[in-house]
């Protein structure tokens, strides 16, 4: 399909227009704009790849209570479970990327469920449907501790020492998943890293981070416009970016610093602890993170069983269209099955 350059801009403008009905879901807005802007043939292609993430919800929302502390107060973390179909092979823990949330990935979880895996995850504090200061990262370490608390609770309720466990992280969640494997070496049977964040592609990220740190010292939650994604992803993926439940339009000063520092805290000494079999999936048109840093991690990782998949025509949103979601899920499932 020939991309209409005006469609993405028109969608962004319309999605945030003051007269746009706020009770119209972002998926419906996206479809309506595309229908009115594209030719019938192009719209047919659009709908074939478009994922309405409401269509396949998680069967279990908040199946277990996950309560953590923030500023001395209890907050609850939203968590999800897509139980396996038939005999269970294991549990897959999914760690979402920056600014987003697990709840919209029921369509991805379904593939794992049908392959015999429980698929679980949390919305990290302040993001998605979890409580906490909106869009604010106190520290990467606190997020990792929240993920570990969820893992332990799921293990207690649904797991056990004999149930194989796997972890899969997307973008910033990929970095966190890698670090969790350094904290608990040998705990997971497999590690999947999808368009993982090990550093930004921007050459100015260090300078911006230093300025943000200065602001964060007096007001860590002060928000700034998030740098635009260039080039934008395909039109049929734009609703993932403009989903109002995400925190991607603005970014807290402290988040800028944490995002900049997080990859630097993953030392070579830590990486050498990762013996977990790992599959990494990258896109050749990656426009958010730097693939070179991900490849450096992959090459340094001492795991004996490693697999790298490189989809030349894909960008950072590597499982956000129908055909690609199926392809990514099938490849990860095949890799996980090998570890059983």
C-alpha atoms as a PDB file:
ATOM      1  CA  UNK A   1       0.000   0.000   0.000  1.00  0.00           C
ATOM      2  CA  UNK A   2       1.324   3.445  -0.861  1.00  0.00           C
ATOM      3  CA  UNK A   3       1.554   5.418   2.354  1.00  0.00           C
ATOM      4  CA  UNK A   4      -0.450   8.633   2.453  1.00  0.00           C
ATOM      5  CA  UNK A   5       1.884  11.043   4.255  1.00  0.00           C
ATOM      6  CA  UNK A   6      -1.036  13.269   5.199  1.00  0.00           C
ATOM      7  CA  UNK A   7      -2.942  10.506   6.981  1.00  0.00           C
ATOM      8  CA  UNK A   8      -0.677  10.241  10.021  1.00  0.00           C
ATOM      9  CA  UNK A   9      -0.660  13.998  10.483  1.00  0.00           C
ATOM     10  CA  UNK A  10      -4.410  14.175   9.974  1.00  0.00           C
ATOM     11  CA  UNK A  11      -4.918  11.410  12.501  1.00  0.00           C
ATOM     12  CA  UNK A  12      -2.716  13.137  15.097  1.00  0.00           C
ATOM     13  CA  UNK A  13      -4.515  16.448  14.589  1.00  0.00           C
ATOM     14  CA  UNK A  14      -7.959  14.875  14.775  1.00  0.00           C
ATOM     15  CA  UNK A  15      -7.154  12.612  17.718  1.00  0.00           C
ATOM     16  CA  UNK A  16      -6.291  15.622  19.873  1.00  0.00           C
ATOM     17  CA  UNK A  17      -8.818  18.087  18.473  1.00  0.00           C
ATOM     18  CA  UNK A  18     -10.925  19.794  21.132  1.00  0.00           C
ATOM     19  CA  UNK A  19     -14.161  18.951  19.329  1.00  0.00           C
ATOM     20  CA  UNK A  20     -13.324  15.239  19.041  1.00  0.00           C
ATOM     21  CA  UNK A  21     -15.769  13.239  21.211  1.00  0.00           C
ATOM     22  CA  UNK A  22     -13.771  11.868  24.119  1.00  0.00           C
ATOM     23  CA  UNK A  23     -16.054   8.866  24.481  1.00  0.00           C
ATOM     24  CA  UNK A  24     -14.988   7.583  21.051  1.00  0.00           C
ATOM     25  CA  UNK A  25     -12.223   5.006  21.513  1.00  0.00           C
ATOM     26  CA  UNK A  26      -8.904   5.730  19.827  1.00  0.00           C
ATOM     27  CA  UNK A  27      -9.244   2.562  17.719  1.00  0.00           C
ATOM     28  CA  UNK A  28     -12.599   3.733  16.361  1.00  0.00           C
ATOM     29  CA  UNK A  29     -11.261   7.221  15.677  1.00  0.00           C
ATOM     30  CA  UNK A  30      -8.329   5.729  13.810  1.00  0.00           C
ATOM     31  CA  UNK A  31     -10.528   3.473  11.682  1.00  0.00           C
ATOM     32  CA  UNK A  32     -12.947   6.299  10.866  1.00  0.00           C
ATOM     33  CA  UNK A  33     -10.162   8.628   9.750  1.00  0.00           C
ATOM     34  CA  UNK A  34      -8.568   5.914   7.623  1.00  0.00           C
ATOM     35  CA  UNK A  35     -11.894   5.000   6.030  1.00  0.00           C
ATOM     36  CA  UNK A  36     -12.514   8.621   5.056  1.00  0.00           C
ATOM     37  CA  UNK A  37      -8.952   9.222   3.847  1.00  0.00           C
ATOM     38  CA  UNK A  38      -7.942   6.082   1.964  1.00  0.00           C
ATOM     39  CA  UNK A  39      -9.075   4.479  -1.257  1.00  0.00           C
ATOM     40  CA  UNK A  40     -11.173   1.308  -0.843  1.00  0.00           C
ATOM     41  CA  UNK A  41      -8.202  -0.899  -1.776  1.00  0.00           C
ATOM     42  CA  UNK A  42      -5.852   0.869   0.615  1.00  0.00           C
ATOM     43  CA  UNK A  43      -8.430   0.782   3.391  1.00  0.00           C
ATOM     44  CA  UNK A  44      -8.849  -2.970   2.870  1.00  0.00           C
ATOM     45  CA  UNK A  45      -5.091  -3.405   3.339  1.00  0.00           C
ATOM     46  CA  UNK A  46      -5.196  -1.072   6.339  1.00  0.00           C
ATOM     47  CA  UNK A  47      -7.881  -3.107   8.112  1.00  0.00           C
ATOM     48  CA  UNK A  48      -6.077  -6.369   7.339  1.00  0.00           C
ATOM     49  CA  UNK A  49      -3.030  -5.227   9.333  1.00  0.00           C
ATOM     50  CA  UNK A  50      -4.836  -3.035  11.885  1.00  0.00           C
ATOM     51  CA  UNK A  51      -5.062  -4.476  15.407  1.00  0.00           C
ATOM     52  CA  UNK A  52      -8.047  -3.421  17.490  1.00  0.00           C
ATOM     53  CA  UNK A  53      -6.547  -4.374  20.826  1.00  0.00           C
ATOM     54  CA  UNK A  54      -9.982  -4.280  22.493  1.00  0.00           C
ATOM     55  CA  UNK A  55     -11.062  -7.321  20.497  1.00  0.00           C
ATOM     56  CA  UNK A  56      -9.046  -9.844  22.518  1.00  0.00           C
ATOM     57  CA  UNK A  57      -8.973  -8.789  26.182  1.00  0.00           C
ATOM     58  CA  UNK A  58      -7.168 -10.652  28.925  1.00  0.00           C
ATOM     59  CA  UNK A  59      -9.587 -13.166  30.478  1.00  0.00           C
ATOM     60  CA  UNK A  60      -8.329 -12.293  33.957  1.00  0.00           C
ATOM     61  CA  UNK A  61      -7.809  -8.720  35.147  1.00  0.00           C
ATOM     62  CA  UNK A  62      -6.174  -8.263  38.553  1.00  0.00           C
ATOM     63  CA  UNK A  63      -6.307 -11.980  39.398  1.00  0.00           C
ATOM     64  CA  UNK A  64      -3.973 -11.436  42.341  1.00  0.00           C
ATOM     65  CA  UNK A  65      -3.454  -8.359  44.563  1.00  0.00           C
ATOM     66  CA  UNK A  66      -0.142  -6.594  43.922  1.00  0.00           C
ATOM     67  CA  UNK A  67       0.299  -3.817  46.492  1.00  0.00           C
ATOM     68  CA  UNK A  68       3.499  -1.770  46.748  1.00  0.00           C
ATOM     69  CA  UNK A  69       4.601   1.440  48.468  1.00  0.00           C
ATOM     70  CA  UNK A  70       5.038   4.872  46.918  1.00  0.00           C
ATOM     71  CA  UNK A  71       5.822   7.884  49.112  1.00  0.00           C
ATOM     72  CA  UNK A  72       4.798   5.861  52.145  1.00  0.00           C
ATOM     73  CA  UNK A  73       1.366   4.984  50.766  1.00  0.00           C
ATOM     74  CA  UNK A  74      -0.006   1.723  49.408  1.00  0.00           C
ATOM     75  CA  UNK A  75      -0.671   1.632  45.673  1.00  0.00           C
ATOM     76  CA  UNK A  76      -2.120  -1.209  43.621  1.00  0.00           C
ATOM     77  CA  UNK A  77      -0.562  -2.452  40.403  1.00  0.00           C
ATOM     78  CA  UNK A  78      -2.848  -3.636  37.613  1.00  0.00           C
ATOM     79  CA  UNK A  79      -2.002  -7.167  36.569  1.00  0.00           C
ATOM     80  CA  UNK A  80      -3.223  -9.543  33.892  1.00  0.00           C
ATOM     81  CA  UNK A  81      -3.378 -13.250  33.181  1.00  0.00           C
ATOM     82  CA  UNK A  82      -4.221 -15.133  30.001  1.00  0.00           C
ATOM     83  CA  UNK A  83      -4.403 -18.783  31.161  1.00  0.00           C
ATOM     84  CA  UNK A  84      -3.059 -21.507  28.914  1.00  0.00           C
ATOM     85  CA  UNK A  85      -5.280 -23.704  26.807  1.00  0.00           C
ATOM     86  CA  UNK A  86      -4.870 -27.387  27.564  1.00  0.00           C
ATOM     87  CA  UNK A  87      -1.812 -28.813  29.281  1.00  0.00           C
ATOM     88  CA  UNK A  88       0.419 -26.090  30.642  1.00  0.00           C
ATOM     89  CA  UNK A  89       4.017 -25.890  29.429  1.00  0.00           C
ATOM     90  CA  UNK A  90       5.063 -22.897  31.514  1.00  0.00           C
ATOM     91  CA  UNK A  91       4.510 -19.264  32.462  1.00  0.00           C
ATOM     92  CA  UNK A  92       5.543 -16.279  30.328  1.00  0.00           C
ATOM     93  CA  UNK A  93       6.118 -13.010  32.186  1.00  0.00           C
ATOM     94  CA  UNK A  94       5.722 -10.013  29.881  1.00  0.00           C
ATOM     95  CA  UNK A  95       7.410  -6.682  30.665  1.00  0.00           C
ATOM     96  CA  UNK A  96       5.979  -3.740  28.728  1.00  0.00           C
ATOM     97  CA  UNK A  97       7.876  -0.811  27.240  1.00  0.00           C
ATOM     98  CA  UNK A  98       8.149   2.792  28.338  1.00  0.00           C
ATOM     99  CA  UNK A  99       4.892   4.773  28.695  1.00  0.00           C
ATOM    100  CA  UNK A 100       2.619   1.864  27.761  1.00  0.00           C
ATOM    101  CA  UNK A 101       0.849  -1.019  29.510  1.00  0.00           C
ATOM    102  CA  UNK A 102       0.275  -4.766  29.329  1.00  0.00           C
ATOM    103  CA  UNK A 103      -3.516  -4.619  29.078  1.00  0.00           C
ATOM    104  CA  UNK A 104      -3.614  -3.900  25.353  1.00  0.00           C
ATOM    105  CA  UNK A 105      -1.595  -6.987  24.423  1.00  0.00           C
ATOM    106  CA  UNK A 106      -4.259  -9.634  24.870  1.00  0.00           C
ATOM    107  CA  UNK A 107      -3.943 -10.386  21.151  1.00  0.00           C
ATOM    108  CA  UNK A 108      -0.281 -11.318  21.691  1.00  0.00           C
ATOM    109  CA  UNK A 109      -0.992 -13.260  24.880  1.00  0.00           C
ATOM    110  CA  UNK A 110      -3.569 -15.383  23.068  1.00  0.00           C
ATOM    111  CA  UNK A 111      -0.897 -16.948  20.847  1.00  0.00           C
ATOM    112  CA  UNK A 112       1.043 -18.063  23.911  1.00  0.00           C
ATOM    113  CA  UNK A 113      -2.098 -19.310  25.638  1.00  0.00           C
ATOM    114  CA  UNK A 114      -2.999 -21.467  22.655  1.00  0.00           C
ATOM    115  CA  UNK A 115       0.568 -22.826  22.635  1.00  0.00           C
ATOM    116  CA  UNK A 116       0.254 -23.950  26.263  1.00  0.00           C
ATOM    117  CA  UNK A 117       1.668 -21.015  28.214  1.00  0.00           C
ATOM    118  CA  UNK A 118       0.152 -18.834  30.910  1.00  0.00           C
ATOM    119  CA  UNK A 119       0.851 -15.221  29.907  1.00  0.00           C
ATOM    120  CA  UNK A 120       1.044 -12.688  32.747  1.00  0.00           C
ATOM    121  CA  UNK A 121       2.241  -9.151  33.377  1.00  0.00           C
ATOM    122  CA  UNK A 122       1.774  -5.918  35.300  1.00  0.00           C
ATOM    123  CA  UNK A 123       1.292  -2.300  34.345  1.00  0.00           C
ATOM    124  CA  UNK A 124       4.238  -0.635  36.008  1.00  0.00           C
ATOM    125  CA  UNK A 125       3.495   1.953  38.681  1.00  0.00           C
ATOM    126  CA  UNK A 126       2.201   5.214  37.266  1.00  0.00           C
ATOM    127  CA  UNK A 127       1.461   3.662  33.872  1.00  0.00           C
ATOM    128  CA  UNK A 128      -1.533   1.971  32.294  1.00  0.00           C
ATOM    129  CA  UNK A 129      -4.162   1.092  34.877  1.00  0.00           C
ATOM    130  CA  UNK A 130      -1.790   0.904  37.837  1.00  0.00           C
ATOM    131  CA  UNK A 131      -1.938   3.453  40.617  1.00  0.00           C
ATOM    132  CA  UNK A 132       0.899   5.838  41.363  1.00  0.00           C
ATOM    133  CA  UNK A 133       2.138   9.209  40.166  1.00  0.00           C
ATOM    134  CA  UNK A 134       1.134   9.327  36.511  1.00  0.00           C
ATOM    135  CA  UNK A 135       3.915   8.775  34.034  1.00  0.00           C
ATOM    136  CA  UNK A 136       6.644   9.039  36.663  1.00  0.00           C
ATOM    137  CA  UNK A 137       9.629   6.722  37.092  1.00  0.00           C
ATOM    138  CA  UNK A 138      11.150   7.062  40.556  1.00  0.00           C
ATOM    139  CA  UNK A 139      13.925   4.726  39.490  1.00  0.00           C
ATOM    140  CA  UNK A 140      14.442   1.766  37.216  1.00  0.00           C
ATOM    141  CA  UNK A 141      15.348  -0.291  40.284  1.00  0.00           C
ATOM    142  CA  UNK A 142      11.925   0.313  41.857  1.00  0.00           C
ATOM    143  CA  UNK A 143      10.232  -0.884  38.663  1.00  0.00           C
ATOM    144  CA  UNK A 144      12.360  -4.012  38.690  1.00  0.00           C
ATOM    145  CA  UNK A 145      11.448  -4.677  42.324  1.00  0.00           C
ATOM    146  CA  UNK A 146       7.751  -4.342  41.396  1.00  0.00           C
ATOM    147  CA  UNK A 147       8.200  -6.863  38.588  1.00  0.00           C
ATOM    148  CA  UNK A 148       9.962  -9.266  40.936  1.00  0.00           C
ATOM    149  CA  UNK A 149       7.162  -8.878  43.490  1.00  0.00           C
ATOM    150  CA  UNK A 150       4.665  -9.834  40.784  1.00  0.00           C
ATOM    151  CA  UNK A 151       6.781 -12.790  39.670  1.00  0.00           C
ATOM    152  CA  UNK A 152       6.954 -14.085  43.234  1.00  0.00           C
ATOM    153  CA  UNK A 153       3.215 -13.692  43.748  1.00  0.00           C
ATOM    154  CA  UNK A 154       2.376 -15.461  40.479  1.00  0.00           C
ATOM    155  CA  UNK A 155       4.835 -18.204  41.350  1.00  0.00           C
ATOM    156  CA  UNK A 156       3.127 -18.596  44.723  1.00  0.00           C
ATOM    157  CA  UNK A 157      -0.413 -18.726  43.318  1.00  0.00           C
ATOM    158  CA  UNK A 158       0.007 -20.326  39.880  1.00  0.00           C
ATOM    159  CA  UNK A 159       3.547 -21.631  39.723  1.00  0.00           C
ATOM    160  CA  UNK A 160       5.819 -23.765  41.784  1.00  0.00           C
ATOM    161  CA  UNK A 161       9.405 -24.882  41.439  1.00  0.00           C
ATOM    162  CA  UNK A 162       8.608 -27.409  38.714  1.00  0.00           C
ATOM    163  CA  UNK A 163       6.774 -24.974  36.401  1.00  0.00           C
ATOM    164  CA  UNK A 164       9.102 -23.626  33.657  1.00  0.00           C
ATOM    165  CA  UNK A 165       9.258 -19.839  33.651  1.00  0.00           C
ATOM    166  CA  UNK A 166      10.088 -17.495  30.789  1.00  0.00           C
ATOM    167  CA  UNK A 167      10.383 -13.727  30.542  1.00  0.00           C
ATOM    168  CA  UNK A 168       9.774 -11.510  27.512  1.00  0.00           C
ATOM    169  CA  UNK A 169      10.421  -7.778  27.403  1.00  0.00           C
ATOM    170  CA  UNK A 170       9.618  -5.121  24.824  1.00  0.00           C
ATOM    171  CA  UNK A 171      11.696  -1.952  24.400  1.00  0.00           C
ATOM    172  CA  UNK A 172      12.545  -0.615  27.905  1.00  0.00           C
ATOM    173  CA  UNK A 173      10.979  -3.810  29.224  1.00  0.00           C
ATOM    174  CA  UNK A 174      13.678  -5.716  27.357  1.00  0.00           C
ATOM    175  CA  UNK A 175      16.427  -4.017  29.335  1.00  0.00           C
ATOM    176  CA  UNK A 176      14.576  -4.699  32.594  1.00  0.00           C
ATOM    177  CA  UNK A 177      14.074  -8.347  31.619  1.00  0.00           C
ATOM    178  CA  UNK A 178      17.788  -8.721  30.943  1.00  0.00           C
ATOM    179  CA  UNK A 179      18.634  -7.183  34.316  1.00  0.00           C
ATOM    180  CA  UNK A 180      16.177  -9.467  36.101  1.00  0.00           C
ATOM    181  CA  UNK A 181      18.121 -12.396  34.671  1.00  0.00           C
ATOM    182  CA  UNK A 182      21.272 -11.028  36.308  1.00  0.00           C
ATOM    183  CA  UNK A 183      19.438 -10.824  39.638  1.00  0.00           C
ATOM    184  CA  UNK A 184      18.001 -14.337  39.336  1.00  0.00           C
ATOM    185  CA  UNK A 185      20.382 -16.321  37.159  1.00  0.00           C
ATOM    186  CA  UNK A 186      18.991 -19.712  36.238  1.00  0.00           C
ATOM    187  CA  UNK A 187      15.444 -18.839  37.297  1.00  0.00           C
ATOM    188  CA  UNK A 188      14.072 -18.536  33.755  1.00  0.00           C
ATOM    189  CA  UNK A 189      14.181 -21.145  31.006  1.00  0.00           C
ATOM    190  CA  UNK A 190      14.202 -18.514  28.277  1.00  0.00           C
ATOM    191  CA  UNK A 191      14.523 -14.771  27.653  1.00  0.00           C
ATOM    192  CA  UNK A 192      12.897 -12.975  24.697  1.00  0.00           C
ATOM    193  CA  UNK A 193      13.918  -9.410  23.849  1.00  0.00           C
ATOM    194  CA  UNK A 194      11.674  -7.597  21.373  1.00  0.00           C
ATOM    195  CA  UNK A 195      13.131  -4.369  19.930  1.00  0.00           C
ATOM    196  CA  UNK A 196      14.962  -3.999  23.264  1.00  0.00           C
ATOM    197  CA  UNK A 197      16.199  -0.679  24.577  1.00  0.00           C
ATOM    198  CA  UNK A 198      19.905  -0.674  25.405  1.00  0.00           C
ATOM    199  CA  UNK A 199      20.396   2.946  24.349  1.00  0.00           C
ATOM    200  CA  UNK A 200      18.778   5.632  22.208  1.00  0.00           C
ATOM    201  CA  UNK A 201      19.608   6.364  18.600  1.00  0.00           C
ATOM    202  CA  UNK A 202      19.791  10.129  19.285  1.00  0.00           C
ATOM    203  CA  UNK A 203      23.325  11.512  19.536  1.00  0.00           C
ATOM    204  CA  UNK A 204      22.083  14.268  21.850  1.00  0.00           C
ATOM    205  CA  UNK A 205      20.556  11.974  24.462  1.00  0.00           C
ATOM    206  CA  UNK A 206      23.374  12.509  26.995  1.00  0.00           C
ATOM    207  CA  UNK A 207      23.157  16.305  26.761  1.00  0.00           C
ATOM    208  CA  UNK A 208      19.381  16.242  27.122  1.00  0.00           C
ATOM    209  CA  UNK A 209      19.643  13.870  30.085  1.00  0.00           C
ATOM    210  CA  UNK A 210      22.054  16.167  31.944  1.00  0.00           C
ATOM    211  CA  UNK A 211      19.699  19.107  31.502  1.00  0.00           C
ATOM    212  CA  UNK A 212      16.762  16.969  32.636  1.00  0.00           C
ATOM    213  CA  UNK A 213      18.681  15.880  35.729  1.00  0.00           C
ATOM    214  CA  UNK A 214      19.169  19.510  36.719  1.00  0.00           C
ATOM    215  CA  UNK A 215      15.427  20.110  36.458  1.00  0.00           C
ATOM    216  CA  UNK A 216      14.647  16.853  38.271  1.00  0.00           C
ATOM    217  CA  UNK A 217      16.681  17.925  41.296  1.00  0.00           C
ATOM    218  CA  UNK A 218      13.988  20.495  42.123  1.00  0.00           C
ATOM    219  CA  UNK A 219      10.944  19.051  40.331  1.00  0.00           C
ATOM    220  CA  UNK A 220      11.360  15.410  39.220  1.00  0.00           C
ATOM    221  CA  UNK A 221       7.801  15.201  37.856  1.00  0.00           C
ATOM    222  CA  UNK A 222       8.001  18.317  35.685  1.00  0.00           C
ATOM    223  CA  UNK A 223       6.930  17.259  32.223  1.00  0.00           C
ATOM    224  CA  UNK A 224       8.267  18.147  28.822  1.00  0.00           C
ATOM    225  CA  UNK A 225       7.053  17.257  25.322  1.00  0.00           C
ATOM    226  CA  UNK A 226       8.350  13.853  24.282  1.00  0.00           C
ATOM    227  CA  UNK A 227      10.653  14.041  21.238  1.00  0.00           C
ATOM    228  CA  UNK A 228       8.728  13.050  18.101  1.00  0.00           C
ATOM    229  CA  UNK A 229       9.199   9.638  16.531  1.00  0.00           C
ATOM    230  CA  UNK A 230      10.773  10.025  13.093  1.00  0.00           C
ATOM    231  CA  UNK A 231       9.809   8.512  10.815  1.00  0.00           C
ATOM    232  CA  UNK A 232       6.365   7.685  12.121  1.00  0.00           C
ATOM    233  CA  UNK A 233       5.318   4.027  12.053  1.00  0.00           C
ATOM    234  CA  UNK A 234       2.832   2.771   9.440  1.00  0.00           C
ATOM    235  CA  UNK A 235      -0.598   4.377   9.543  1.00  0.00           C
ATOM    236  CA  UNK A 236      -2.270   1.238  10.863  1.00  0.00           C
ATOM    237  CA  UNK A 237      -0.041   1.368  13.969  1.00  0.00           C
ATOM    238  CA  UNK A 238      -0.578   5.023  14.939  1.00  0.00           C
ATOM    239  CA  UNK A 239      -3.318   4.260  17.466  1.00  0.00           C
ATOM    240  CA  UNK A 240      -0.759   2.483  19.661  1.00  0.00           C
ATOM    241  CA  UNK A 241       1.201   5.745  19.929  1.00  0.00           C
ATOM    242  CA  UNK A 242      -1.841   7.965  20.494  1.00  0.00           C
ATOM    243  CA  UNK A 243      -3.611   5.648  22.923  1.00  0.00           C
ATOM    244  CA  UNK A 244      -4.679   8.092  25.689  1.00  0.00           C
ATOM    245  CA  UNK A 245      -3.909   5.501  28.384  1.00  0.00           C
ATOM    246  CA  UNK A 246      -0.212   5.751  27.529  1.00  0.00           C
ATOM    247  CA  UNK A 247       2.069   8.468  28.882  1.00  0.00           C
ATOM    248  CA  UNK A 248       3.929   9.109  25.660  1.00  0.00           C
ATOM    249  CA  UNK A 249       2.958  12.697  24.861  1.00  0.00           C
ATOM    250  CA  UNK A 250       4.942  14.196  27.745  1.00  0.00           C
ATOM    251  CA  UNK A 251       7.858  12.880  29.774  1.00  0.00           C
ATOM    252  CA  UNK A 252       8.922  13.641  33.348  1.00  0.00           C
ATOM    253  CA  UNK A 253      12.355  15.169  33.868  1.00  0.00           C
ATOM    254  CA  UNK A 254      13.442  12.311  36.115  1.00  0.00           C
ATOM    255  CA  UNK A 255      12.340   9.779  33.497  1.00  0.00           C
ATOM    256  CA  UNK A 256      14.707  11.306  30.947  1.00  0.00           C
ATOM    257  CA  UNK A 257      17.610  10.828  33.348  1.00  0.00           C
ATOM    258  CA  UNK A 258      16.576   7.297  34.331  1.00  0.00           C
ATOM    259  CA  UNK A 259      16.151   6.216  30.714  1.00  0.00           C
ATOM    260  CA  UNK A 260      19.586   7.584  29.910  1.00  0.00           C
ATOM    261  CA  UNK A 261      21.316   5.954  32.863  1.00  0.00           C
ATOM    262  CA  UNK A 262      19.530   2.585  32.909  1.00  0.00           C
ATOM    263  CA  UNK A 263      21.544   0.916  30.095  1.00  0.00           C
ATOM    264  CA  UNK A 264      24.810   2.225  31.545  1.00  0.00           C
ATOM    265  CA  UNK A 265      24.125   0.419  34.816  1.00  0.00           C
ATOM    266  CA  UNK A 266      24.140  -2.933  33.007  1.00  0.00           C
ATOM    267  CA  UNK A 267      27.830  -3.720  33.321  1.00  0.00           C
ATOM    268  CA  UNK A 268      29.782  -6.410  31.507  1.00  0.00           C
ATOM    269  CA  UNK A 269      30.189  -8.167  34.840  1.00  0.00           C
ATOM    270  CA  UNK A 270      26.394  -8.344  35.150  1.00  0.00           C
ATOM    271  CA  UNK A 271      25.946  -9.520  31.560  1.00  0.00           C
ATOM    272  CA  UNK A 272      28.307 -12.430  32.186  1.00  0.00           C
ATOM    273  CA  UNK A 273      25.784 -13.793  34.696  1.00  0.00           C
ATOM    274  CA  UNK A 274      23.164 -14.310  31.975  1.00  0.00           C
ATOM    275  CA  UNK A 275      23.235 -17.970  31.009  1.00  0.00           C
ATOM    276  CA  UNK A 276      19.533 -18.012  30.099  1.00  0.00           C
ATOM    277  CA  UNK A 277      18.824 -18.959  26.453  1.00  0.00           C
ATOM    278  CA  UNK A 278      17.938 -15.726  24.659  1.00  0.00           C
ATOM    279  CA  UNK A 279      16.088 -14.793  21.486  1.00  0.00           C
ATOM    280  CA  UNK A 280      16.328 -11.209  20.255  1.00  0.00           C
ATOM    281  CA  UNK A 281      14.106  -9.736  17.547  1.00  0.00           C
ATOM    282  CA  UNK A 282      15.046  -6.446  15.877  1.00  0.00           C
ATOM    283  CA  UNK A 283      13.617  -4.312  13.095  1.00  0.00           C
ATOM    284  CA  UNK A 284      15.756  -2.990  10.265  1.00  0.00           C
ATOM    285  CA  UNK A 285      13.847   0.310  10.258  1.00  0.00           C
ATOM    286  CA  UNK A 286      14.236   0.875  14.003  1.00  0.00           C
ATOM    287  CA  UNK A 287      13.697   4.573  14.737  1.00  0.00           C
ATOM    288  CA  UNK A 288      13.426   4.767  18.551  1.00  0.00           C
ATOM    289  CA  UNK A 289      16.287   2.760  20.051  1.00  0.00           C
ATOM    290  CA  UNK A 290      19.772   1.947  18.781  1.00  0.00           C
ATOM    291  CA  UNK A 291      20.058  -1.577  17.373  1.00  0.00           C
ATOM    292  CA  UNK A 292      23.846  -1.502  17.670  1.00  0.00           C
ATOM    293  CA  UNK A 293      23.641  -1.409  21.463  1.00  0.00           C
ATOM    294  CA  UNK A 294      21.213  -4.336  21.455  1.00  0.00           C
ATOM    295  CA  UNK A 295      23.555  -6.305  19.203  1.00  0.00           C
ATOM    296  CA  UNK A 296      26.489  -5.493  21.480  1.00  0.00           C
ATOM    297  CA  UNK A 297      24.550  -6.955  24.399  1.00  0.00           C
ATOM    298  CA  UNK A 298      23.629 -10.033  22.371  1.00  0.00           C
ATOM    299  CA  UNK A 299      27.229 -10.651  21.346  1.00  0.00           C
ATOM    300  CA  UNK A 300      28.476 -10.171  24.919  1.00  0.00           C
ATOM    301  CA  UNK A 301      25.882 -12.445  26.481  1.00  0.00           C
ATOM    302  CA  UNK A 302      27.526 -15.796  27.369  1.00  0.00           C
ATOM    303  CA  UNK A 303      24.345 -17.855  26.937  1.00  0.00           C
ATOM    304  CA  UNK A 304      25.093 -20.931  24.848  1.00  0.00           C
ATOM    305  CA  UNK A 305      21.698 -20.933  23.123  1.00  0.00           C
ATOM    306  CA  UNK A 306      21.153 -17.597  21.367  1.00  0.00           C
ATOM    307  CA  UNK A 307      19.038 -16.635  18.377  1.00  0.00           C
ATOM    308  CA  UNK A 308      18.853 -13.300  16.578  1.00  0.00           C
ATOM    309  CA  UNK A 309      16.028 -12.452  14.171  1.00  0.00           C
ATOM    310  CA  UNK A 310      16.264  -9.311  12.058  1.00  0.00           C
ATOM    311  CA  UNK A 311      13.160  -8.184  10.182  1.00  0.00           C
ATOM    312  CA  UNK A 312      14.454  -5.747   7.591  1.00  0.00           C
ATOM    313  CA  UNK A 313      11.123  -4.030   6.906  1.00  0.00           C
ATOM    314  CA  UNK A 314      10.020  -3.606  10.534  1.00  0.00           C
ATOM    315  CA  UNK A 315      10.530  -0.666  12.870  1.00  0.00           C
ATOM    316  CA  UNK A 316      10.287  -0.324  16.659  1.00  0.00           C
ATOM    317  CA  UNK A 317       6.631  -1.400  16.643  1.00  0.00           C
ATOM    318  CA  UNK A 318       7.622  -4.926  15.821  1.00  0.00           C
ATOM    319  CA  UNK A 319       4.475  -6.846  16.839  1.00  0.00           C
ATOM    320  CA  UNK A 320       1.837  -4.151  16.417  1.00  0.00           C
ATOM    321  CA  UNK A 321       0.312  -5.301  13.137  1.00  0.00           C
ATOM    322  CA  UNK A 322      -1.602  -8.504  12.474  1.00  0.00           C
ATOM    323  CA  UNK A 323       0.868 -10.480  10.369  1.00  0.00           C
ATOM    324  CA  UNK A 324       3.917  -9.405  12.348  1.00  0.00           C
ATOM    325  CA  UNK A 325       2.335 -10.174  15.737  1.00  0.00           C
ATOM    326  CA  UNK A 326       1.707 -13.720  14.564  1.00  0.00           C
ATOM    327  CA  UNK A 327       5.245 -14.069  13.201  1.00  0.00           C
ATOM    328  CA  UNK A 328       6.912 -12.739  16.358  1.00  0.00           C
ATOM    329  CA  UNK A 329       4.763 -14.897  18.639  1.00  0.00           C
ATOM    330  CA  UNK A 330       5.411 -18.045  16.607  1.00  0.00           C
ATOM    331  CA  UNK A 331       9.172 -17.513  16.633  1.00  0.00           C
ATOM    332  CA  UNK A 332       9.322 -16.848  20.368  1.00  0.00           C
ATOM    333  CA  UNK A 333       7.060 -19.812  21.132  1.00  0.00           C
ATOM    334  CA  UNK A 334       9.214 -22.098  18.986  1.00  0.00           C
ATOM    335  CA  UNK A 335      12.309 -20.909  20.849  1.00  0.00           C
ATOM    336  CA  UNK A 336      10.680 -21.360  24.261  1.00  0.00           C
ATOM    337  CA  UNK A 337       9.460 -24.835  23.308  1.00  0.00           C
ATOM    338  CA  UNK A 338      13.060 -25.838  22.591  1.00  0.00           C
ATOM    339  CA  UNK A 339      14.002 -25.038  26.179  1.00  0.00           C
ATOM    340  CA  UNK A 340      11.514 -27.452  27.743  1.00  0.00           C
END
